[in-house]
Amino acid sequence: MVQTTIVVPTFFGNQLVTKCIESILKNVTNPEILVYKNDIGWLQACNHLMGTTTGDIILLNDDTIVLTDIVKEMRELAYSDPKIGIVGGKSLMSNGETIINYGITIHVDGNSAHKYFGQHKDTVQVERQKAIEGSCMYIKREVIDNIGYFDENFGMGYREEVDYCFRAREAGYRIVSCPSAEYIHFVSKTNAALGIQNTTHEYFM
């Protein structure tokens, strides 16, 4: 069995992360969890956690509620094909039924949009993507070993996970979304509270 650690960066370490951990313990069989209370931001915290662990990882936002066994579902899909390097989950609204994000569309001007936003959760299947959202992101260790960490020139964040997926695809890996890895995402609880703005478009291009 491939070692897989759920890594949860948290800035405030408040009730959000407590509920996130409780949902993991409820839905994931024998989870290995690593929480990092940090003051450096999501991107840099993720890089720290990538370097701290040795196996595969699932990057999970603290403003999420896990609804299924994401380790089992995402790991099985990741190892169903040796070319798959990164797996994304299915981000849902608080009702647990409506999709927020199931893959990211990248337009030629560099702007992005969430795929399947507003649709019912049962309308999607396993799908190959150009990029997936970082709020629940399974990354094989070999991908980290081959392409490294997130680019810290993205500062406090926005588009760094898209850039990472592009780099992984350029290295020959596939990016897919897993329909059975479901979680509620309360969206931008840290960024909004800290006033972090989406200012990375020019650098991404």
N, C-alpha and C. Protein backbone atom coordinates (compact mmCIF):
# COMPACT_ATOMS: atom_id res chain seq x y z
N MET A 1 0.84 -1.19 0.00
CA MET A 1 0.00 0.00 0.00
C MET A 1 0.88 1.25 0.00
N VAL A 2 0.59 2.15 -0.91
CA VAL A 2 1.36 3.39 -1.02
C VAL A 2 1.04 4.30 0.15
N GLN A 3 2.07 4.80 0.83
CA GLN A 3 1.87 5.74 1.92
C GLN A 3 1.31 7.05 1.38
N THR A 4 0.19 7.48 1.94
CA THR A 4 -0.44 8.73 1.52
C THR A 4 -0.79 9.55 2.75
N THR A 5 -0.27 10.76 2.82
CA THR A 5 -0.52 11.64 3.95
C THR A 5 -1.42 12.79 3.51
N ILE A 6 -2.48 13.03 4.28
CA ILE A 6 -3.30 14.22 4.06
C ILE A 6 -2.62 15.37 4.78
N VAL A 7 -2.21 16.38 4.04
CA VAL A 7 -1.52 17.52 4.64
C VAL A 7 -2.44 18.74 4.60
N VAL A 8 -2.59 19.38 5.74
CA VAL A 8 -3.55 20.48 5.88
C VAL A 8 -2.82 21.73 6.37
N PRO A 9 -2.51 22.66 5.48
CA PRO A 9 -1.97 23.95 5.93
C PRO A 9 -3.09 24.78 6.54
N THR A 10 -2.85 25.40 7.67
CA THR A 10 -3.86 26.27 8.27
C THR A 10 -3.19 27.53 8.80
N PHE A 11 -3.76 28.66 8.49
CA PHE A 11 -3.21 29.95 8.93
C PHE A 11 -3.76 30.34 10.28
N PHE A 12 -5.07 30.24 10.43
CA PHE A 12 -5.70 30.69 11.68
C PHE A 12 -5.80 29.58 12.71
N GLY A 13 -5.84 28.31 12.26
CA GLY A 13 -5.95 27.20 13.20
C GLY A 13 -7.22 27.25 14.02
N ASN A 14 -8.32 27.69 13.42
CA ASN A 14 -9.56 27.91 14.16
C ASN A 14 -10.52 26.73 14.01
N GLN A 15 -11.80 26.99 14.21
CA GLN A 15 -12.79 25.93 14.17
C GLN A 15 -12.89 25.27 12.80
N LEU A 16 -12.53 25.99 11.75
CA LEU A 16 -12.57 25.41 10.41
C LEU A 16 -11.70 24.16 10.33
N VAL A 17 -10.46 24.27 10.77
CA VAL A 17 -9.56 23.12 10.67
C VAL A 17 -10.00 21.99 11.60
N THR A 18 -10.60 22.33 12.73
CA THR A 18 -11.12 21.30 13.63
C THR A 18 -12.20 20.48 12.94
N LYS A 19 -13.13 21.15 12.29
CA LYS A 19 -14.20 20.45 11.58
C LYS A 19 -13.66 19.65 10.40
N CYS A 20 -12.64 20.20 9.74
CA CYS A 20 -12.00 19.48 8.63
C CYS A 20 -11.40 18.16 9.13
N ILE A 21 -10.65 18.21 10.21
CA ILE A 21 -10.02 17.01 10.76
C ILE A 21 -11.08 16.02 11.23
N GLU A 22 -12.13 16.51 11.87
CA GLU A 22 -13.21 15.62 12.31
C GLU A 22 -13.83 14.89 11.13
N SER A 23 -13.99 15.57 10.01
CA SER A 23 -14.60 14.94 8.83
C SER A 23 -13.67 13.88 8.23
N ILE A 24 -12.36 14.12 8.29
CA ILE A 24 -11.40 13.13 7.82
C ILE A 24 -11.48 11.87 8.68
N LEU A 25 -11.47 12.06 9.99
CA LEU A 25 -11.52 10.93 10.92
C LEU A 25 -12.81 10.13 10.75
N LYS A 26 -13.87 10.79 10.37
CA LYS A 26 -15.16 10.14 10.20
C LYS A 26 -15.23 9.33 8.90
N ASN A 27 -14.58 9.81 7.84
CA ASN A 27 -14.80 9.24 6.52
C ASN A 27 -13.62 8.50 5.91
N VAL A 28 -12.42 8.73 6.43
CA VAL A 28 -11.22 8.12 5.85
C VAL A 28 -10.72 7.01 6.78
N THR A 29 -10.43 5.85 6.20
CA THR A 29 -9.96 4.70 6.98
C THR A 29 -8.50 4.89 7.38
N ASN A 30 -8.23 4.86 8.68
CA ASN A 30 -6.86 4.96 9.22
C ASN A 30 -6.05 6.07 8.55
N PRO A 31 -6.52 7.30 8.60
CA PRO A 31 -5.82 8.38 7.89
C PRO A 31 -4.51 8.78 8.55
N GLU A 32 -3.56 9.17 7.74
CA GLU A 32 -2.34 9.81 8.23
C GLU A 32 -2.49 11.30 7.91
N ILE A 33 -2.52 12.12 8.95
CA ILE A 33 -2.81 13.55 8.79
C ILE A 33 -1.65 14.37 9.34
N LEU A 34 -1.27 15.39 8.61
CA LEU A 34 -0.24 16.31 9.07
C LEU A 34 -0.78 17.73 8.94
N VAL A 35 -0.97 18.40 10.07
CA VAL A 35 -1.49 19.77 10.09
C VAL A 35 -0.33 20.72 10.36
N TYR A 36 -0.28 21.79 9.58
CA TYR A 36 0.80 22.77 9.76
C TYR A 36 0.18 24.14 10.03
N LYS A 37 0.25 24.56 11.28
CA LYS A 37 -0.18 25.91 11.65
C LYS A 37 0.93 26.86 11.29
N ASN A 38 0.67 27.72 10.31
CA ASN A 38 1.74 28.54 9.76
C ASN A 38 1.32 30.00 9.68
N ASP A 39 2.32 30.87 9.43
CA ASP A 39 2.04 32.28 9.19
C ASP A 39 2.70 32.74 7.90
N ILE A 40 2.92 31.79 6.99
CA ILE A 40 3.64 32.11 5.75
C ILE A 40 2.77 32.00 4.51
N GLY A 41 1.53 31.54 4.66
CA GLY A 41 0.64 31.44 3.52
C GLY A 41 0.53 30.03 2.97
N TRP A 42 -0.53 29.80 2.21
CA TRP A 42 -0.86 28.45 1.73
C TRP A 42 0.24 27.87 0.85
N LEU A 43 0.69 28.63 -0.12
CA LEU A 43 1.68 28.14 -1.10
C LEU A 43 2.96 27.69 -0.39
N GLN A 44 3.54 28.55 0.40
CA GLN A 44 4.79 28.23 1.08
C GLN A 44 4.59 27.10 2.09
N ALA A 45 3.42 27.07 2.75
CA ALA A 45 3.13 25.99 3.69
C ALA A 45 3.04 24.65 2.97
N CYS A 46 2.43 24.64 1.80
CA CYS A 46 2.35 23.40 1.01
C CYS A 46 3.75 22.92 0.65
N ASN A 47 4.62 23.83 0.25
CA ASN A 47 5.99 23.44 -0.09
C ASN A 47 6.70 22.85 1.12
N HIS A 48 6.50 23.46 2.28
CA HIS A 48 7.09 22.92 3.50
C HIS A 48 6.60 21.50 3.75
N LEU A 49 5.30 21.27 3.58
CA LEU A 49 4.72 19.96 3.83
C LEU A 49 5.18 18.94 2.80
N MET A 50 5.35 19.36 1.56
CA MET A 50 5.89 18.45 0.54
C MET A 50 7.28 17.97 0.93
N GLY A 51 8.06 18.87 1.50
CA GLY A 51 9.42 18.53 1.90
C GLY A 51 9.49 17.73 3.18
N THR A 52 8.46 17.84 4.02
CA THR A 52 8.44 17.15 5.30
C THR A 52 8.04 15.69 5.15
N THR A 53 7.19 15.39 4.18
CA THR A 53 6.69 14.04 3.97
C THR A 53 7.57 13.28 2.98
N THR A 54 7.36 11.95 2.91
CA THR A 54 8.16 11.13 2.00
C THR A 54 7.33 10.35 0.99
N GLY A 55 6.04 10.15 1.25
CA GLY A 55 5.19 9.40 0.33
C GLY A 55 4.34 10.33 -0.52
N ASP A 56 3.23 9.79 -1.05
CA ASP A 56 2.26 10.60 -1.76
C ASP A 56 1.56 11.52 -0.76
N ILE A 57 1.00 12.60 -1.28
CA ILE A 57 0.28 13.53 -0.41
C ILE A 57 -1.06 13.93 -1.01
N ILE A 58 -1.98 14.30 -0.13
CA ILE A 58 -3.18 15.01 -0.55
C ILE A 58 -3.13 16.37 0.12
N LEU A 59 -2.99 17.41 -0.68
CA LEU A 59 -3.10 18.77 -0.16
C LEU A 59 -4.57 19.07 0.06
N LEU A 60 -4.93 19.44 1.28
CA LEU A 60 -6.33 19.68 1.61
C LEU A 60 -6.48 21.01 2.34
N ASN A 61 -7.33 21.88 1.83
CA ASN A 61 -7.59 23.15 2.49
C ASN A 61 -8.26 22.92 3.85
N ASP A 62 -8.00 23.84 4.77
CA ASP A 62 -8.63 23.72 6.09
C ASP A 62 -10.11 24.11 6.07
N ASP A 63 -10.56 24.79 5.01
CA ASP A 63 -11.97 25.18 4.92
C ASP A 63 -12.76 24.17 4.10
N THR A 64 -12.52 22.88 4.37
CA THR A 64 -13.20 21.80 3.66
C THR A 64 -13.80 20.82 4.67
N ILE A 65 -14.82 20.12 4.21
CA ILE A 65 -15.43 19.02 4.95
C ILE A 65 -15.41 17.80 4.03
N VAL A 66 -14.66 16.79 4.41
CA VAL A 66 -14.53 15.58 3.60
C VAL A 66 -15.81 14.74 3.73
N LEU A 67 -16.32 14.28 2.59
CA LEU A 67 -17.57 13.50 2.58
C LEU A 67 -17.36 12.03 2.25
N THR A 68 -16.23 11.68 1.66
CA THR A 68 -15.94 10.29 1.29
C THR A 68 -14.51 9.96 1.69
N ASP A 69 -14.12 8.71 1.48
CA ASP A 69 -12.74 8.30 1.79
C ASP A 69 -11.84 8.77 0.65
N ILE A 70 -11.40 10.01 0.75
CA ILE A 70 -10.64 10.62 -0.34
C ILE A 70 -9.32 9.91 -0.59
N VAL A 71 -8.70 9.38 0.45
CA VAL A 71 -7.42 8.67 0.26
C VAL A 71 -7.64 7.44 -0.61
N LYS A 72 -8.60 6.62 -0.25
CA LYS A 72 -8.89 5.40 -1.02
C LYS A 72 -9.27 5.72 -2.46
N GLU A 73 -10.19 6.65 -2.63
CA GLU A 73 -10.72 6.95 -3.96
C GLU A 73 -9.66 7.58 -4.87
N MET A 74 -8.93 8.55 -4.35
CA MET A 74 -7.95 9.26 -5.18
C MET A 74 -6.72 8.39 -5.44
N ARG A 75 -6.30 7.62 -4.44
CA ARG A 75 -5.14 6.75 -4.63
C ARG A 75 -5.43 5.66 -5.65
N GLU A 76 -6.61 5.06 -5.58
CA GLU A 76 -6.96 4.01 -6.55
C GLU A 76 -6.95 4.56 -7.97
N LEU A 77 -7.49 5.75 -8.15
CA LEU A 77 -7.49 6.35 -9.49
C LEU A 77 -6.07 6.71 -9.91
N ALA A 78 -5.29 7.25 -8.99
CA ALA A 78 -3.92 7.65 -9.32
C ALA A 78 -3.09 6.47 -9.82
N TYR A 79 -3.31 5.29 -9.24
CA TYR A 79 -2.50 4.13 -9.60
C TYR A 79 -3.19 3.19 -10.58
N SER A 80 -4.31 3.65 -11.16
CA SER A 80 -4.96 2.88 -12.22
C SER A 80 -4.23 3.04 -13.54
N ASP A 81 -3.35 4.05 -13.61
CA ASP A 81 -2.59 4.34 -14.83
C ASP A 81 -1.26 4.97 -14.41
N PRO A 82 -0.14 4.38 -14.81
CA PRO A 82 1.16 4.93 -14.40
C PRO A 82 1.42 6.34 -14.92
N LYS A 83 0.66 6.76 -15.92
CA LYS A 83 0.86 8.11 -16.47
C LYS A 83 0.16 9.18 -15.64
N ILE A 84 -0.77 8.77 -14.78
CA ILE A 84 -1.46 9.75 -13.93
C ILE A 84 -0.53 10.22 -12.82
N GLY A 85 -0.39 11.52 -12.68
CA GLY A 85 0.49 12.08 -11.65
C GLY A 85 -0.23 12.86 -10.59
N ILE A 86 -1.35 13.50 -10.97
CA ILE A 86 -2.11 14.35 -10.05
C ILE A 86 -3.59 14.05 -10.21
N VAL A 87 -4.28 13.96 -9.08
CA VAL A 87 -5.73 13.70 -9.08
C VAL A 87 -6.43 14.80 -8.29
N GLY A 88 -7.50 15.32 -8.84
CA GLY A 88 -8.31 16.32 -8.15
C GLY A 88 -9.60 15.72 -7.65
N GLY A 89 -10.19 16.34 -6.62
CA GLY A 89 -11.45 15.88 -6.08
C GLY A 89 -12.62 16.65 -6.66
N LYS A 90 -13.79 16.42 -6.09
CA LYS A 90 -15.02 17.09 -6.51
C LYS A 90 -15.44 18.06 -5.40
N SER A 91 -15.28 19.33 -5.67
CA SER A 91 -15.59 20.39 -4.71
C SER A 91 -17.07 20.73 -4.79
N LEU A 92 -17.75 20.67 -3.62
CA LEU A 92 -19.19 20.89 -3.58
C LEU A 92 -19.56 22.08 -2.70
N MET A 93 -20.73 22.64 -2.99
CA MET A 93 -21.30 23.68 -2.14
C MET A 93 -21.75 23.08 -0.82
N SER A 94 -22.16 23.93 0.11
CA SER A 94 -22.50 23.48 1.46
C SER A 94 -23.67 22.51 1.50
N ASN A 95 -24.49 22.46 0.43
CA ASN A 95 -25.59 21.51 0.39
C ASN A 95 -25.13 20.08 0.09
N GLY A 96 -23.85 19.94 -0.29
CA GLY A 96 -23.31 18.63 -0.59
C GLY A 96 -23.80 18.02 -1.88
N GLU A 97 -24.50 18.80 -2.69
CA GLU A 97 -25.10 18.27 -3.92
C GLU A 97 -24.64 19.01 -5.18
N THR A 98 -24.25 20.27 -5.03
CA THR A 98 -23.97 21.13 -6.18
C THR A 98 -22.48 21.36 -6.34
N ILE A 99 -21.99 21.20 -7.55
CA ILE A 99 -20.56 21.31 -7.82
C ILE A 99 -20.11 22.78 -7.80
N ILE A 100 -19.00 23.02 -7.11
CA ILE A 100 -18.28 24.29 -7.23
C ILE A 100 -17.20 24.15 -8.29
N ASN A 101 -16.48 23.04 -8.22
CA ASN A 101 -15.33 22.88 -9.11
C ASN A 101 -15.07 21.41 -9.39
N TYR A 102 -14.88 21.10 -10.68
CA TYR A 102 -14.46 19.75 -11.07
C TYR A 102 -13.53 19.90 -12.27
N GLY A 103 -12.35 20.43 -11.99
CA GLY A 103 -11.40 20.74 -13.05
C GLY A 103 -11.43 22.22 -13.38
N ILE A 104 -10.38 22.70 -14.01
CA ILE A 104 -10.25 24.12 -14.34
C ILE A 104 -10.07 24.30 -15.84
N THR A 105 -10.88 25.17 -16.41
CA THR A 105 -10.73 25.56 -17.81
C THR A 105 -9.76 26.74 -17.89
N ILE A 106 -8.77 26.64 -18.76
CA ILE A 106 -7.80 27.73 -18.95
C ILE A 106 -8.02 28.33 -20.34
N HIS A 107 -8.36 29.60 -20.38
CA HIS A 107 -8.59 30.26 -21.66
C HIS A 107 -7.26 30.75 -22.25
N VAL A 108 -7.30 31.09 -23.53
CA VAL A 108 -6.07 31.49 -24.21
C VAL A 108 -5.48 32.77 -23.63
N ASP A 109 -6.31 33.57 -22.97
CA ASP A 109 -5.81 34.81 -22.36
C ASP A 109 -5.28 34.57 -20.95
N GLY A 110 -5.25 33.30 -20.53
CA GLY A 110 -4.71 32.96 -19.22
C GLY A 110 -5.72 32.98 -18.09
N ASN A 111 -6.93 33.49 -18.35
CA ASN A 111 -7.96 33.47 -17.32
C ASN A 111 -8.54 32.07 -17.18
N SER A 112 -9.05 31.78 -16.00
CA SER A 112 -9.52 30.43 -15.73
C SER A 112 -10.96 30.44 -15.25
N ALA A 113 -11.59 29.28 -15.32
CA ALA A 113 -12.97 29.13 -14.84
C ALA A 113 -13.15 27.73 -14.28
N HIS A 114 -14.01 27.62 -13.26
CA HIS A 114 -14.31 26.33 -12.67
C HIS A 114 -15.24 25.55 -13.59
N LYS A 115 -14.90 24.32 -13.88
CA LYS A 115 -15.74 23.48 -14.73
C LYS A 115 -16.90 22.90 -13.92
N TYR A 116 -18.05 22.81 -14.56
CA TYR A 116 -19.27 22.20 -14.01
C TYR A 116 -19.87 22.98 -12.84
N PHE A 117 -19.48 24.23 -12.68
CA PHE A 117 -20.02 25.03 -11.58
C PHE A 117 -21.54 25.08 -11.66
N GLY A 118 -22.20 24.79 -10.53
CA GLY A 118 -23.65 24.86 -10.45
C GLY A 118 -24.37 23.61 -10.88
N GLN A 119 -23.66 22.63 -11.39
CA GLN A 119 -24.31 21.39 -11.83
C GLN A 119 -24.39 20.40 -10.67
N HIS A 120 -25.29 19.41 -10.82
CA HIS A 120 -25.45 18.40 -9.79
C HIS A 120 -24.23 17.50 -9.74
N LYS A 121 -23.89 17.04 -8.56
CA LYS A 121 -22.66 16.26 -8.36
C LYS A 121 -22.61 14.97 -9.17
N ASP A 122 -23.76 14.42 -9.53
CA ASP A 122 -23.79 13.15 -10.24
C ASP A 122 -23.63 13.29 -11.75
N THR A 123 -23.39 14.51 -12.24
CA THR A 123 -23.30 14.71 -13.68
C THR A 123 -21.89 14.49 -14.23
N VAL A 124 -20.92 14.19 -13.37
CA VAL A 124 -19.54 14.07 -13.84
C VAL A 124 -19.01 12.65 -13.65
N GLN A 125 -17.99 12.32 -14.45
CA GLN A 125 -17.29 11.05 -14.36
C GLN A 125 -15.80 11.34 -14.27
N VAL A 126 -14.98 10.28 -14.22
CA VAL A 126 -13.53 10.48 -14.29
C VAL A 126 -13.21 11.28 -15.55
N GLU A 127 -12.42 12.32 -15.40
CA GLU A 127 -12.16 13.20 -16.53
C GLU A 127 -10.71 13.69 -16.52
N ARG A 128 -10.10 13.64 -17.67
CA ARG A 128 -8.74 14.18 -17.81
C ARG A 128 -8.82 15.70 -17.89
N GLN A 129 -7.91 16.38 -17.19
CA GLN A 129 -7.95 17.83 -17.07
C GLN A 129 -6.64 18.47 -17.49
N LYS A 130 -6.71 19.75 -17.83
CA LYS A 130 -5.50 20.55 -17.99
C LYS A 130 -4.95 20.96 -16.63
N ALA A 131 -5.87 21.20 -15.69
CA ALA A 131 -5.47 21.61 -14.33
C ALA A 131 -6.62 21.33 -13.39
N ILE A 132 -6.29 21.19 -12.11
CA ILE A 132 -7.31 21.01 -11.08
C ILE A 132 -7.05 21.98 -9.94
N GLU A 133 -8.08 22.19 -9.12
CA GLU A 133 -7.99 23.12 -8.00
C GLU A 133 -7.15 22.53 -6.87
N GLY A 134 -6.45 23.39 -6.15
CA GLY A 134 -5.55 22.93 -5.11
C GLY A 134 -6.20 22.63 -3.77
N SER A 135 -7.50 22.83 -3.65
CA SER A 135 -8.14 22.64 -2.34
C SER A 135 -8.19 21.18 -1.92
N CYS A 136 -8.12 20.25 -2.87
CA CYS A 136 -8.03 18.82 -2.58
C CYS A 136 -7.28 18.19 -3.76
N MET A 137 -6.01 17.96 -3.57
CA MET A 137 -5.11 17.66 -4.69
C MET A 137 -4.17 16.51 -4.32
N TYR A 138 -4.36 15.37 -4.97
CA TYR A 138 -3.50 14.20 -4.73
C TYR A 138 -2.28 14.30 -5.65
N ILE A 139 -1.09 14.23 -5.07
CA ILE A 139 0.15 14.32 -5.85
C ILE A 139 1.03 13.11 -5.55
N LYS A 140 1.38 12.36 -6.57
CA LYS A 140 2.30 11.24 -6.38
C LYS A 140 3.69 11.77 -6.02
N ARG A 141 4.38 11.02 -5.19
CA ARG A 141 5.72 11.44 -4.77
C ARG A 141 6.66 11.56 -5.95
N GLU A 142 6.52 10.71 -6.95
CA GLU A 142 7.43 10.79 -8.10
C GLU A 142 7.28 12.10 -8.85
N VAL A 143 6.06 12.68 -8.81
CA VAL A 143 5.85 13.98 -9.44
C VAL A 143 6.64 15.05 -8.69
N ILE A 144 6.53 15.03 -7.36
CA ILE A 144 7.27 15.99 -6.54
C ILE A 144 8.77 15.82 -6.76
N ASP A 145 9.24 14.57 -6.80
CA ASP A 145 10.66 14.31 -7.01
C ASP A 145 11.14 14.81 -8.36
N ASN A 146 10.25 14.75 -9.37
CA ASN A 146 10.65 15.09 -10.74
C ASN A 146 10.51 16.58 -11.06
N ILE A 147 9.46 17.23 -10.55
CA ILE A 147 9.26 18.64 -10.95
C ILE A 147 9.38 19.61 -9.78
N GLY A 148 9.53 19.10 -8.57
CA GLY A 148 9.74 19.97 -7.43
C GLY A 148 8.45 20.47 -6.80
N TYR A 149 8.52 21.66 -6.22
CA TYR A 149 7.43 22.22 -5.43
C TYR A 149 6.71 23.32 -6.21
N PHE A 150 5.74 23.97 -5.54
CA PHE A 150 5.08 25.12 -6.13
C PHE A 150 6.08 26.25 -6.33
N ASP A 151 5.85 27.04 -7.37
CA ASP A 151 6.69 28.19 -7.66
C ASP A 151 6.34 29.32 -6.68
N GLU A 152 7.27 29.66 -5.81
CA GLU A 152 6.99 30.65 -4.78
C GLU A 152 6.97 32.08 -5.31
N ASN A 153 7.26 32.26 -6.58
CA ASN A 153 7.08 33.57 -7.19
C ASN A 153 5.60 33.95 -7.32
N PHE A 154 4.70 32.99 -7.08
CA PHE A 154 3.28 33.30 -7.05
C PHE A 154 2.87 33.94 -5.72
N GLY A 155 3.84 34.17 -4.85
CA GLY A 155 3.60 34.92 -3.62
C GLY A 155 2.65 34.22 -2.68
N MET A 156 1.58 34.91 -2.31
CA MET A 156 0.60 34.35 -1.38
C MET A 156 -0.42 33.46 -2.09
N GLY A 157 -0.29 33.32 -3.41
CA GLY A 157 -1.14 32.36 -4.08
C GLY A 157 -1.96 32.91 -5.22
N TYR A 158 -2.79 32.04 -5.82
CA TYR A 158 -3.58 32.19 -7.02
C TYR A 158 -2.76 31.73 -8.23
N ARG A 159 -3.28 30.68 -8.88
CA ARG A 159 -2.75 30.09 -10.11
C ARG A 159 -1.53 29.19 -9.89
N GLU A 160 -1.01 29.11 -8.66
CA GLU A 160 0.17 28.27 -8.46
C GLU A 160 -0.13 26.80 -8.73
N GLU A 161 -1.36 26.33 -8.39
CA GLU A 161 -1.68 24.94 -8.65
C GLU A 161 -1.90 24.69 -10.14
N VAL A 162 -2.39 25.71 -10.86
CA VAL A 162 -2.54 25.59 -12.31
C VAL A 162 -1.16 25.49 -12.95
N ASP A 163 -0.25 26.35 -12.53
CA ASP A 163 1.12 26.30 -13.01
C ASP A 163 1.74 24.93 -12.72
N TYR A 164 1.48 24.40 -11.53
CA TYR A 164 2.05 23.10 -11.15
C TYR A 164 1.51 21.99 -12.04
N CYS A 165 0.21 22.04 -12.34
CA CYS A 165 -0.38 21.05 -13.24
C CYS A 165 0.20 21.16 -14.65
N PHE A 166 0.42 22.38 -15.11
CA PHE A 166 1.04 22.56 -16.43
C PHE A 166 2.44 21.95 -16.45
N ARG A 167 3.20 22.21 -15.41
CA ARG A 167 4.55 21.65 -15.33
C ARG A 167 4.53 20.13 -15.29
N ALA A 168 3.55 19.58 -14.58
CA ALA A 168 3.43 18.12 -14.51
C ALA A 168 3.08 17.54 -15.88
N ARG A 169 2.18 18.19 -16.59
CA ARG A 169 1.82 17.71 -17.93
C ARG A 169 3.01 17.82 -18.89
N GLU A 170 3.78 18.89 -18.77
CA GLU A 170 4.97 19.04 -19.61
C GLU A 170 6.00 17.95 -19.32
N ALA A 171 5.98 17.42 -18.07
CA ALA A 171 6.89 16.33 -17.70
C ALA A 171 6.33 14.96 -18.08
N GLY A 172 5.14 14.93 -18.70
CA GLY A 172 4.59 13.68 -19.20
C GLY A 172 3.50 13.05 -18.35
N TYR A 173 3.08 13.73 -17.28
CA TYR A 173 2.05 13.18 -16.40
C TYR A 173 0.66 13.64 -16.84
N ARG A 174 -0.33 12.83 -16.48
CA ARG A 174 -1.72 13.17 -16.73
C ARG A 174 -2.36 13.72 -15.44
N ILE A 175 -3.32 14.62 -15.64
CA ILE A 175 -4.09 15.19 -14.54
C ILE A 175 -5.53 14.71 -14.71
N VAL A 176 -6.11 14.14 -13.68
CA VAL A 176 -7.49 13.67 -13.78
C VAL A 176 -8.28 14.10 -12.54
N SER A 177 -9.59 14.14 -12.70
CA SER A 177 -10.48 14.42 -11.58
C SER A 177 -11.21 13.15 -11.18
N CYS A 178 -11.41 12.99 -9.87
CA CYS A 178 -12.01 11.79 -9.30
C CYS A 178 -13.42 12.10 -8.80
N PRO A 179 -14.47 11.56 -9.42
CA PRO A 179 -15.84 11.91 -9.03
C PRO A 179 -16.25 11.41 -7.66
N SER A 180 -15.57 10.37 -7.16
CA SER A 180 -15.95 9.80 -5.86
C SER A 180 -15.19 10.40 -4.69
N ALA A 181 -14.30 11.35 -4.96
CA ALA A 181 -13.58 12.08 -3.89
C ALA A 181 -14.32 13.39 -3.65
N GLU A 182 -15.32 13.33 -2.79
CA GLU A 182 -16.23 14.46 -2.60
C GLU A 182 -15.91 15.22 -1.30
N TYR A 183 -16.02 16.53 -1.39
CA TYR A 183 -15.80 17.36 -0.20
C TYR A 183 -16.51 18.69 -0.37
N ILE A 184 -16.98 19.24 0.74
CA ILE A 184 -17.54 20.58 0.74
C ILE A 184 -16.41 21.58 0.92
N HIS A 185 -16.45 22.65 0.14
CA HIS A 185 -15.42 23.69 0.21
C HIS A 185 -16.10 25.03 0.50
N PHE A 186 -15.70 25.66 1.59
CA PHE A 186 -16.31 26.92 1.97
C PHE A 186 -15.66 28.13 1.27
N VAL A 187 -14.57 27.93 0.57
CA VAL A 187 -13.99 28.86 -0.41
C VAL A 187 -13.42 30.15 0.20
N SER A 188 -12.08 30.27 0.06
CA SER A 188 -11.35 31.53 0.31
C SER A 188 -11.52 32.10 1.72
N LYS A 189 -11.69 31.24 2.71
CA LYS A 189 -11.85 31.75 4.06
C LYS A 189 -10.59 32.45 4.57
N THR A 190 -9.42 31.92 4.20
CA THR A 190 -8.17 32.55 4.63
C THR A 190 -7.82 33.76 3.76
N ASN A 191 -7.87 33.57 2.43
CA ASN A 191 -7.51 34.66 1.53
C ASN A 191 -8.37 35.89 1.75
N ALA A 192 -9.68 35.68 1.89
CA ALA A 192 -10.59 36.81 2.08
C ALA A 192 -10.30 37.52 3.41
N ALA A 193 -10.04 36.75 4.45
CA ALA A 193 -9.79 37.35 5.76
C ALA A 193 -8.49 38.13 5.79
N LEU A 194 -7.52 37.70 5.00
CA LEU A 194 -6.21 38.36 4.97
C LEU A 194 -6.11 39.42 3.87
N GLY A 195 -7.15 39.52 3.04
CA GLY A 195 -7.15 40.51 1.98
C GLY A 195 -6.22 40.17 0.83
N ILE A 196 -5.95 38.88 0.62
CA ILE A 196 -5.07 38.46 -0.48
C ILE A 196 -5.80 38.59 -1.80
N GLN A 197 -5.18 39.27 -2.76
CA GLN A 197 -5.80 39.55 -4.05
C GLN A 197 -5.23 38.66 -5.15
N ASN A 198 -6.05 38.48 -6.18
CA ASN A 198 -5.63 37.72 -7.35
C ASN A 198 -4.83 38.64 -8.27
N THR A 199 -3.50 38.63 -8.09
CA THR A 199 -2.65 39.56 -8.84
C THR A 199 -1.56 38.82 -9.64
N THR A 200 -1.78 37.53 -9.91
CA THR A 200 -0.71 36.71 -10.49
C THR A 200 -0.88 36.44 -11.98
N HIS A 201 -1.85 37.08 -12.63
CA HIS A 201 -2.13 36.78 -14.03
C HIS A 201 -0.92 37.03 -14.93
N GLU A 202 -0.32 38.17 -14.77
CA GLU A 202 0.82 38.53 -15.64
C GLU A 202 1.98 37.56 -15.46
N TYR A 203 2.25 37.19 -14.20
CA TYR A 203 3.36 36.25 -13.97
C TYR A 203 3.01 34.89 -14.55
N PHE A 204 1.78 34.45 -14.38
CA PHE A 204 1.37 33.15 -14.93
C PHE A 204 1.55 33.13 -16.45
N MET A 205 1.16 34.20 -17.11
CA MET A 205 1.29 34.26 -18.58
C MET A 205 2.78 34.24 -18.98
